[in-house]
Amino acid sequence: MKAEEVLFEYVCELEEVWVDENDEVLSEAAIRQWKKSGSGKMIKKYRCTAGPKKSRLVSKPGDCSVRKDPAKVRKGRKIMRQKKGVIKRKSQISKRKSISRILKKLNARLMGKTA
């Protein structure tokens, strides 16, 4: 039995969470996703589908409605400009690893797409 088959057994269909900072129901959604952490580990995260952090991975669904810090945004953009070549090379290497391919299939299945 392959590792992918074992992982797919525990994955449910599309799961949406509708809460804000205080875990109250809202009209914005966060979809459960998997994220790579460390060397070959997977952790559960939430992808925001609305709000100021749309399409970002956050640890709690309530973080989707929190406003982004402008100073951190400027600093992040500056770093991305300076290190775009390094980031590109490292991401190409990591995307070739098996854990990244497994996560890609898991997240596609959670989003309702065929993997």
N, C-alpha and C. Protein backbone atom coordinates (compact mmCIF):
# COMPACT_ATOMS: atom_id res chain seq x y z
N MET A 1 0.84 -1.18 0.00
CA MET A 1 0.00 0.00 0.00
C MET A 1 0.89 1.25 0.00
N LYS A 2 0.59 2.18 -0.85
CA LYS A 2 1.39 3.40 -0.96
C LYS A 2 1.01 4.39 0.14
N ALA A 3 1.94 5.29 0.43
CA ALA A 3 1.69 6.31 1.46
C ALA A 3 0.53 7.21 1.06
N GLU A 4 0.41 7.49 -0.25
CA GLU A 4 -0.68 8.36 -0.72
C GLU A 4 -2.04 7.74 -0.44
N GLU A 5 -2.14 6.41 -0.62
CA GLU A 5 -3.42 5.74 -0.38
C GLU A 5 -3.82 5.82 1.08
N VAL A 6 -2.83 5.67 1.96
CA VAL A 6 -3.11 5.76 3.40
C VAL A 6 -3.58 7.16 3.76
N LEU A 7 -2.91 8.17 3.21
CA LEU A 7 -3.28 9.55 3.52
C LEU A 7 -4.66 9.90 3.00
N PHE A 8 -5.02 9.39 1.82
CA PHE A 8 -6.30 9.73 1.22
C PHE A 8 -7.48 9.12 1.99
N GLU A 9 -7.23 8.08 2.78
CA GLU A 9 -8.30 7.48 3.55
C GLU A 9 -8.85 8.43 4.60
N TYR A 10 -7.98 9.29 5.16
CA TYR A 10 -8.38 10.16 6.25
C TYR A 10 -8.85 11.53 5.80
N VAL A 11 -8.83 11.79 4.51
CA VAL A 11 -9.21 13.10 4.01
C VAL A 11 -10.70 13.13 3.73
N CYS A 12 -11.38 14.14 4.22
CA CYS A 12 -12.79 14.28 3.96
C CYS A 12 -13.00 15.17 2.74
N GLU A 13 -14.22 15.33 2.36
CA GLU A 13 -14.53 16.19 1.23
C GLU A 13 -14.40 17.65 1.63
N LEU A 14 -14.86 18.55 0.78
CA LEU A 14 -14.74 20.00 1.00
C LEU A 14 -15.27 20.39 2.39
N GLU A 15 -14.42 21.03 3.17
CA GLU A 15 -14.79 21.42 4.53
C GLU A 15 -14.62 22.93 4.67
N GLU A 16 -15.70 23.63 4.99
CA GLU A 16 -15.65 25.07 5.13
C GLU A 16 -15.95 25.47 6.57
N VAL A 17 -15.24 26.47 7.04
CA VAL A 17 -15.42 26.97 8.39
C VAL A 17 -15.78 28.44 8.30
N TRP A 18 -16.84 28.85 8.96
CA TRP A 18 -17.35 30.23 8.85
C TRP A 18 -17.33 30.90 10.22
N VAL A 19 -16.18 31.45 10.63
CA VAL A 19 -16.07 32.11 11.93
C VAL A 19 -15.22 33.37 11.81
N ASP A 20 -15.24 34.21 12.86
CA ASP A 20 -14.37 35.38 12.93
C ASP A 20 -13.39 35.21 14.09
N GLU A 21 -12.80 36.32 14.55
CA GLU A 21 -11.81 36.27 15.63
C GLU A 21 -12.34 35.62 16.89
N ASN A 22 -13.60 35.85 17.19
CA ASN A 22 -14.23 35.32 18.41
C ASN A 22 -14.95 34.01 18.17
N ASP A 23 -14.63 33.34 17.08
CA ASP A 23 -15.27 32.08 16.69
C ASP A 23 -16.78 32.21 16.53
N GLU A 24 -17.22 33.37 16.03
CA GLU A 24 -18.63 33.58 15.72
C GLU A 24 -18.83 33.38 14.23
N VAL A 25 -20.02 32.92 13.86
CA VAL A 25 -20.32 32.63 12.47
C VAL A 25 -20.31 33.90 11.64
N LEU A 26 -19.65 33.85 10.48
CA LEU A 26 -19.54 35.00 9.57
C LEU A 26 -19.91 34.58 8.17
N SER A 27 -19.92 35.57 7.26
CA SER A 27 -20.22 35.28 5.86
C SER A 27 -18.96 34.97 5.07
N GLU A 28 -17.79 34.97 5.71
CA GLU A 28 -16.57 34.62 5.00
C GLU A 28 -16.15 33.20 5.37
N ALA A 29 -15.43 32.57 4.49
CA ALA A 29 -15.11 31.17 4.68
C ALA A 29 -13.62 30.94 4.78
N ALA A 30 -13.27 29.85 5.41
CA ALA A 30 -11.89 29.37 5.43
C ALA A 30 -11.95 27.88 5.15
N ILE A 31 -11.19 27.45 4.18
CA ILE A 31 -11.20 26.05 3.77
C ILE A 31 -9.99 25.36 4.37
N ARG A 32 -10.19 24.17 4.90
CA ARG A 32 -9.09 23.43 5.50
C ARG A 32 -8.11 23.00 4.42
N GLN A 33 -6.82 23.15 4.72
CA GLN A 33 -5.75 22.78 3.80
C GLN A 33 -4.63 22.12 4.59
N TRP A 34 -3.71 21.51 3.89
CA TRP A 34 -2.52 20.92 4.48
C TRP A 34 -1.33 21.78 4.13
N LYS A 35 -0.34 21.86 5.04
CA LYS A 35 0.87 22.62 4.80
C LYS A 35 2.07 21.79 5.20
N LYS A 36 3.15 21.98 4.45
CA LYS A 36 4.40 21.29 4.75
C LYS A 36 5.08 22.02 5.89
N SER A 37 5.59 21.26 6.87
CA SER A 37 6.27 21.87 8.00
C SER A 37 7.50 21.03 8.34
N GLY A 38 8.65 21.66 8.34
CA GLY A 38 9.87 20.92 8.65
C GLY A 38 10.22 19.96 7.54
N SER A 39 10.82 18.85 7.90
CA SER A 39 11.23 17.88 6.89
C SER A 39 10.20 16.75 6.81
N GLY A 40 9.31 16.86 5.86
CA GLY A 40 8.35 15.79 5.60
C GLY A 40 7.16 15.73 6.54
N LYS A 41 6.90 16.77 7.32
CA LYS A 41 5.74 16.77 8.21
C LYS A 41 4.62 17.57 7.58
N MET A 42 3.38 17.18 7.91
CA MET A 42 2.21 17.89 7.41
C MET A 42 1.41 18.42 8.59
N ILE A 43 0.92 19.66 8.46
CA ILE A 43 0.07 20.24 9.49
C ILE A 43 -1.18 20.81 8.84
N LYS A 44 -2.25 20.89 9.62
CA LYS A 44 -3.51 21.43 9.11
C LYS A 44 -3.51 22.94 9.25
N LYS A 45 -3.94 23.62 8.20
CA LYS A 45 -4.07 25.07 8.19
C LYS A 45 -5.42 25.40 7.57
N TYR A 46 -5.74 26.69 7.50
CA TYR A 46 -6.97 27.16 6.87
C TYR A 46 -6.61 28.17 5.79
N ARG A 47 -7.22 28.05 4.60
CA ARG A 47 -7.02 29.01 3.53
C ARG A 47 -8.21 29.95 3.52
N CYS A 48 -7.93 31.24 3.68
CA CYS A 48 -9.00 32.26 3.71
C CYS A 48 -9.55 32.45 2.31
N THR A 49 -10.87 32.51 2.20
CA THR A 49 -11.51 32.73 0.90
C THR A 49 -12.11 34.12 0.79
N ALA A 50 -12.00 34.92 1.87
CA ALA A 50 -12.48 36.30 1.85
C ALA A 50 -11.76 37.08 2.92
N GLY A 51 -11.92 38.39 2.89
CA GLY A 51 -11.31 39.23 3.90
C GLY A 51 -9.95 39.75 3.48
N PRO A 52 -9.26 40.46 4.38
CA PRO A 52 -7.97 41.05 4.03
C PRO A 52 -6.87 40.02 3.77
N LYS A 53 -7.04 38.81 4.24
CA LYS A 53 -6.02 37.77 4.03
C LYS A 53 -6.51 36.70 3.07
N LYS A 54 -7.22 37.11 2.03
CA LYS A 54 -7.77 36.18 1.06
C LYS A 54 -6.65 35.36 0.42
N SER A 55 -6.85 34.06 0.30
CA SER A 55 -5.96 33.06 -0.30
C SER A 55 -4.67 32.85 0.49
N ARG A 56 -4.64 33.24 1.76
CA ARG A 56 -3.47 32.99 2.62
C ARG A 56 -3.75 31.82 3.55
N LEU A 57 -2.71 31.12 3.94
CA LEU A 57 -2.83 30.06 4.92
C LEU A 57 -2.66 30.65 6.32
N VAL A 58 -3.61 30.36 7.19
CA VAL A 58 -3.55 30.84 8.57
C VAL A 58 -3.80 29.66 9.51
N SER A 59 -3.36 29.81 10.76
CA SER A 59 -3.50 28.71 11.70
C SER A 59 -4.92 28.59 12.26
N LYS A 60 -5.61 29.74 12.42
CA LYS A 60 -6.98 29.74 12.92
C LYS A 60 -7.87 30.44 11.90
N PRO A 61 -9.08 29.97 11.68
CA PRO A 61 -9.96 30.63 10.72
C PRO A 61 -10.32 32.05 11.12
N GLY A 62 -10.26 32.37 12.41
CA GLY A 62 -10.56 33.72 12.86
C GLY A 62 -9.53 34.74 12.40
N ASP A 63 -8.34 34.28 12.03
CA ASP A 63 -7.29 35.19 11.58
C ASP A 63 -7.56 35.77 10.19
N CYS A 64 -8.53 35.24 9.48
CA CYS A 64 -8.85 35.73 8.13
C CYS A 64 -9.39 37.16 8.17
N SER A 65 -10.07 37.52 9.24
CA SER A 65 -10.69 38.84 9.30
C SER A 65 -9.81 39.88 9.99
N VAL A 66 -8.62 39.48 10.45
CA VAL A 66 -7.71 40.42 11.11
C VAL A 66 -6.99 41.25 10.05
N ARG A 67 -6.89 42.55 10.29
CA ARG A 67 -6.25 43.46 9.33
C ARG A 67 -4.75 43.21 9.29
N LYS A 68 -4.17 43.28 8.08
CA LYS A 68 -2.73 43.09 7.92
C LYS A 68 -1.98 44.32 8.44
N ASP A 69 -0.83 44.08 9.06
CA ASP A 69 0.01 45.17 9.57
C ASP A 69 0.74 45.81 8.40
N PRO A 70 0.53 47.11 8.12
CA PRO A 70 1.15 47.75 6.95
C PRO A 70 2.68 47.72 6.97
N ALA A 71 3.28 47.84 8.15
CA ALA A 71 4.75 47.81 8.24
C ALA A 71 5.29 46.44 7.84
N LYS A 72 4.62 45.37 8.27
CA LYS A 72 5.05 44.03 7.90
C LYS A 72 4.87 43.77 6.41
N VAL A 73 3.80 44.33 5.84
CA VAL A 73 3.56 44.17 4.40
C VAL A 73 4.68 44.84 3.61
N ARG A 74 5.05 46.06 3.97
CA ARG A 74 6.13 46.75 3.27
C ARG A 74 7.45 46.01 3.40
N LYS A 75 7.75 45.53 4.59
CA LYS A 75 9.00 44.81 4.83
C LYS A 75 9.03 43.51 4.02
N GLY A 76 7.91 42.80 3.97
CA GLY A 76 7.83 41.56 3.20
C GLY A 76 8.03 41.79 1.72
N ARG A 77 7.43 42.85 1.18
CA ARG A 77 7.59 43.17 -0.24
C ARG A 77 9.04 43.50 -0.57
N LYS A 78 9.70 44.21 0.33
CA LYS A 78 11.11 44.57 0.13
C LYS A 78 11.98 43.32 0.10
N ILE A 79 11.74 42.40 1.01
CA ILE A 79 12.51 41.15 1.05
C ILE A 79 12.25 40.32 -0.20
N MET A 80 11.00 40.25 -0.64
CA MET A 80 10.66 39.48 -1.83
C MET A 80 11.37 40.04 -3.06
N ARG A 81 11.48 41.37 -3.16
CA ARG A 81 12.20 41.98 -4.28
C ARG A 81 13.68 41.63 -4.23
N GLN A 82 14.26 41.66 -3.05
CA GLN A 82 15.69 41.42 -2.92
C GLN A 82 16.07 39.96 -3.14
N LYS A 83 15.22 39.03 -2.74
CA LYS A 83 15.58 37.62 -2.75
C LYS A 83 14.74 36.79 -3.72
N LYS A 84 14.21 37.41 -4.76
CA LYS A 84 13.30 36.66 -5.63
C LYS A 84 14.00 35.51 -6.35
N GLY A 85 15.27 35.65 -6.71
CA GLY A 85 16.00 34.57 -7.36
C GLY A 85 16.21 33.38 -6.45
N VAL A 86 16.59 33.65 -5.21
CA VAL A 86 16.81 32.59 -4.23
C VAL A 86 15.51 31.86 -3.93
N ILE A 87 14.44 32.63 -3.74
CA ILE A 87 13.13 32.04 -3.44
C ILE A 87 12.67 31.16 -4.59
N LYS A 88 12.90 31.60 -5.81
CA LYS A 88 12.48 30.83 -6.99
C LYS A 88 13.23 29.50 -7.06
N ARG A 89 14.56 29.53 -6.86
CA ARG A 89 15.34 28.29 -6.92
C ARG A 89 14.94 27.32 -5.81
N LYS A 90 14.78 27.82 -4.60
CA LYS A 90 14.43 26.95 -3.48
C LYS A 90 13.04 26.35 -3.65
N SER A 91 12.09 27.13 -4.18
CA SER A 91 10.74 26.59 -4.36
C SER A 91 10.72 25.53 -5.46
N GLN A 92 11.54 25.69 -6.49
CA GLN A 92 11.61 24.66 -7.54
C GLN A 92 12.15 23.35 -6.99
N ILE A 93 13.15 23.44 -6.11
CA ILE A 93 13.72 22.23 -5.50
C ILE A 93 12.69 21.55 -4.61
N SER A 94 11.99 22.33 -3.78
CA SER A 94 11.05 21.74 -2.84
C SER A 94 9.83 21.15 -3.54
N LYS A 95 9.44 21.71 -4.68
CA LYS A 95 8.28 21.19 -5.39
C LYS A 95 8.54 19.84 -6.04
N ARG A 96 9.82 19.46 -6.18
CA ARG A 96 10.16 18.16 -6.74
C ARG A 96 10.12 17.05 -5.70
N LYS A 97 10.06 17.38 -4.43
CA LYS A 97 10.07 16.38 -3.38
C LYS A 97 8.70 15.71 -3.27
N SER A 98 8.72 14.46 -2.77
CA SER A 98 7.50 13.66 -2.74
C SER A 98 6.44 14.24 -1.81
N ILE A 99 6.85 14.82 -0.68
CA ILE A 99 5.86 15.36 0.26
C ILE A 99 5.07 16.49 -0.38
N SER A 100 5.71 17.30 -1.20
CA SER A 100 5.02 18.41 -1.87
C SER A 100 3.99 17.88 -2.86
N ARG A 101 4.34 16.81 -3.54
CA ARG A 101 3.40 16.22 -4.50
C ARG A 101 2.20 15.61 -3.78
N ILE A 102 2.45 14.98 -2.64
CA ILE A 102 1.36 14.40 -1.86
C ILE A 102 0.42 15.51 -1.37
N LEU A 103 1.00 16.60 -0.85
CA LEU A 103 0.19 17.71 -0.35
C LEU A 103 -0.62 18.35 -1.47
N LYS A 104 -0.03 18.44 -2.64
CA LYS A 104 -0.74 19.02 -3.78
C LYS A 104 -2.00 18.22 -4.08
N LYS A 105 -1.89 16.88 -4.04
CA LYS A 105 -3.04 16.02 -4.31
C LYS A 105 -4.07 16.12 -3.19
N LEU A 106 -3.61 16.15 -1.94
CA LEU A 106 -4.53 16.26 -0.82
C LEU A 106 -5.33 17.56 -0.87
N ASN A 107 -4.64 18.66 -1.12
CA ASN A 107 -5.30 19.96 -1.15
C ASN A 107 -6.24 20.09 -2.34
N ALA A 108 -5.89 19.49 -3.47
CA ALA A 108 -6.79 19.50 -4.62
C ALA A 108 -8.07 18.75 -4.29
N ARG A 109 -7.93 17.65 -3.56
CA ARG A 109 -9.10 16.88 -3.20
C ARG A 109 -9.98 17.64 -2.20
N LEU A 110 -9.35 18.35 -1.26
CA LEU A 110 -10.12 19.15 -0.30
C LEU A 110 -10.86 20.30 -0.98
N MET A 111 -10.28 20.83 -2.05
CA MET A 111 -10.90 21.95 -2.76
C MET A 111 -11.99 21.48 -3.71
N GLY A 112 -12.19 20.17 -3.83
CA GLY A 112 -13.23 19.64 -4.68
C GLY A 112 -12.78 19.41 -6.11
N LYS A 113 -11.47 19.53 -6.36
CA LYS A 113 -10.93 19.29 -7.69
C LYS A 113 -10.42 17.85 -7.75
N THR A 114 -10.33 17.31 -8.93
CA THR A 114 -9.81 15.95 -9.05
C THR A 114 -8.30 15.97 -8.95
N ALA A 115 -7.76 15.01 -8.24
CA ALA A 115 -6.30 14.95 -8.05
C ALA A 115 -5.72 13.75 -8.77
